[in-house]
Structure formats: C-alpha cells, structure tokens
Amino acid sequence: MHDLTGFQRDLLYVIAGADRPSGQTVKEEVEQYYSSEINHGRLYPNLDTLVNKELVEKGQLDRRTNYYAITEDGLRRIDERRDWEQQYVEV
C-alpha cells in the first residue's frame, strides 16, 4: 500500500466494506468521512488507479452505473497494511 495515496487507501477501505458499491456510493461515504465534497475529477481517476493496480475490479450495474469490488490482492494489501500498522499502534 506504500504506493497508494492516503485518498486511494480510503477509497480501497470503503470499497472493501461495501457490497459492490457504485462510484456515487463510494463518493458519498468518503465525503462523509472527509466532511467535504469530493469532485468527480478527483474521485474517478483515483478509482481508475485502483482498478489499474488490480486492487479493485470495475463492472457495470447498468448502462449508466458502474460498481467497484475489492479483489483478493486488494484484501491482501489491506491485511498487510494492518499488520504493519499493528507494529506501531496498539489497539
């Protein structure tokens, strides 16, 4: 995950915690966390980066709406990140 921005990691976590969310659903969840509006010019290129890195897959719900789903590699990277964090932060 060292090659992702913090924003991309947040997108990955949101997608991992949802069942095939649309881009709009991901946007709403991230906006709630950030307490600010996320524009499409920021959201979709970052989602595409996650798809290109094969951490997320993208499919179609209908002709106008895409969904995003975490891949096995995406889940593995989240687990690795949690293990790394655990060295430094006790919960």
Protein backbone atom coordinates (compact mmCIF):
# COMPACT_ATOMS: atom_id res chain seq x y z
CA MET A 1 0.00 0.00 0.00
CA HIS A 2 3.03 2.23 0.17
CA ASP A 3 2.44 3.09 -3.49
CA LEU A 4 -1.06 4.47 -2.84
CA THR A 5 -2.02 7.90 -1.66
CA GLY A 6 -3.99 8.24 1.56
CA PHE A 7 -7.06 9.10 -0.50
CA GLN A 8 -6.65 5.94 -2.59
CA ARG A 9 -6.31 3.86 0.59
CA ASP A 10 -9.51 5.40 1.92
CA LEU A 11 -11.31 4.51 -1.32
CA LEU A 12 -10.00 0.96 -1.07
CA TYR A 13 -11.26 0.62 2.51
CA VAL A 14 -14.71 1.94 1.57
CA ILE A 15 -14.96 -0.48 -1.34
CA ALA A 16 -13.79 -3.38 0.84
CA GLY A 17 -16.51 -2.60 3.37
CA ALA A 18 -19.36 -2.47 0.89
CA ASP A 19 -21.04 -4.90 -1.47
CA ARG A 20 -20.18 -3.72 -4.98
CA PRO A 21 -20.79 -0.01 -4.36
CA SER A 22 -21.35 2.40 -7.23
CA GLY A 23 -18.95 5.29 -7.70
CA GLN A 24 -21.61 7.58 -6.26
CA THR A 25 -21.90 5.43 -3.13
CA VAL A 26 -18.13 5.45 -2.66
CA LYS A 27 -18.15 9.24 -3.15
CA GLU A 28 -20.86 9.72 -0.51
CA GLU A 29 -19.06 7.55 2.05
CA VAL A 30 -15.74 9.34 1.55
CA GLU A 31 -17.42 12.76 1.67
CA GLN A 32 -18.99 11.83 4.99
CA TYR A 33 -15.60 10.85 6.40
CA TYR A 34 -13.78 13.91 4.98
CA SER A 35 -16.68 16.26 5.84
CA SER A 36 -16.24 17.91 2.46
CA GLU A 37 -17.34 17.47 -1.13
CA ILE A 38 -15.23 15.25 -3.38
CA ASN A 39 -15.45 16.23 -7.04
CA HIS A 40 -15.65 13.71 -9.87
CA GLY A 41 -12.30 14.90 -11.24
CA ARG A 42 -10.64 13.64 -8.07
CA LEU A 43 -12.73 10.53 -7.43
CA TYR A 44 -12.80 8.70 -10.73
CA PRO A 45 -9.11 8.97 -11.71
CA ASN A 46 -8.23 7.57 -8.27
CA LEU A 47 -10.75 4.74 -8.65
CA ASP A 48 -9.22 4.02 -12.07
CA THR A 49 -5.77 3.84 -10.45
CA LEU A 50 -7.05 1.18 -8.04
CA VAL A 51 -8.54 -0.74 -10.99
CA ASN A 52 -5.29 -0.45 -12.98
CA LYS A 53 -3.31 -1.75 -9.98
CA GLU A 54 -5.77 -4.70 -9.87
CA LEU A 55 -6.78 -3.93 -6.28
CA VAL A 56 -10.36 -3.25 -7.35
CA GLU A 57 -12.45 -4.55 -10.21
CA LYS A 58 -14.93 -2.41 -12.06
CA GLY A 59 -18.14 -3.69 -13.61
CA GLN A 60 -21.46 -2.39 -14.83
CA LEU A 61 -24.67 -2.34 -12.82
CA ASP A 62 -26.49 -0.82 -15.78
CA ARG A 63 -25.62 1.32 -18.80
CA ARG A 64 -25.00 4.40 -16.65
CA THR A 65 -23.72 2.98 -13.38
CA ASN A 66 -20.51 1.13 -12.59
CA TYR A 67 -19.77 -0.87 -9.48
CA TYR A 68 -16.47 -1.45 -7.74
CA ALA A 69 -15.43 -4.60 -5.89
CA ILE A 70 -12.30 -5.40 -3.91
CA THR A 71 -10.04 -8.09 -5.39
CA GLU A 72 -8.16 -10.79 -3.49
CA ASP A 73 -4.99 -8.75 -3.99
CA GLY A 74 -6.75 -5.68 -2.60
CA LEU A 75 -7.78 -7.62 0.50
CA ARG A 76 -4.27 -8.97 0.91
CA ARG A 77 -2.81 -5.47 0.71
CA ILE A 78 -5.26 -4.25 3.38
CA ASP A 79 -4.23 -7.13 5.65
CA GLU A 80 -0.54 -6.36 5.09
CA ARG A 81 -1.17 -2.70 5.91
CA ARG A 82 -2.98 -3.63 9.13
CA ASP A 83 -0.12 -5.91 10.16
CA TRP A 84 2.38 -3.12 9.52
CA GLU A 85 0.30 -0.60 11.48
CA GLN A 86 -0.03 -3.04 14.36
CA GLN A 87 3.73 -2.78 14.98
CA TYR A 88 3.32 0.85 15.88
CA VAL A 89 -0.19 1.27 17.24
CA GLU A 90 -1.69 -0.94 19.91
CA VAL A 91 -5.44 -1.03 19.91
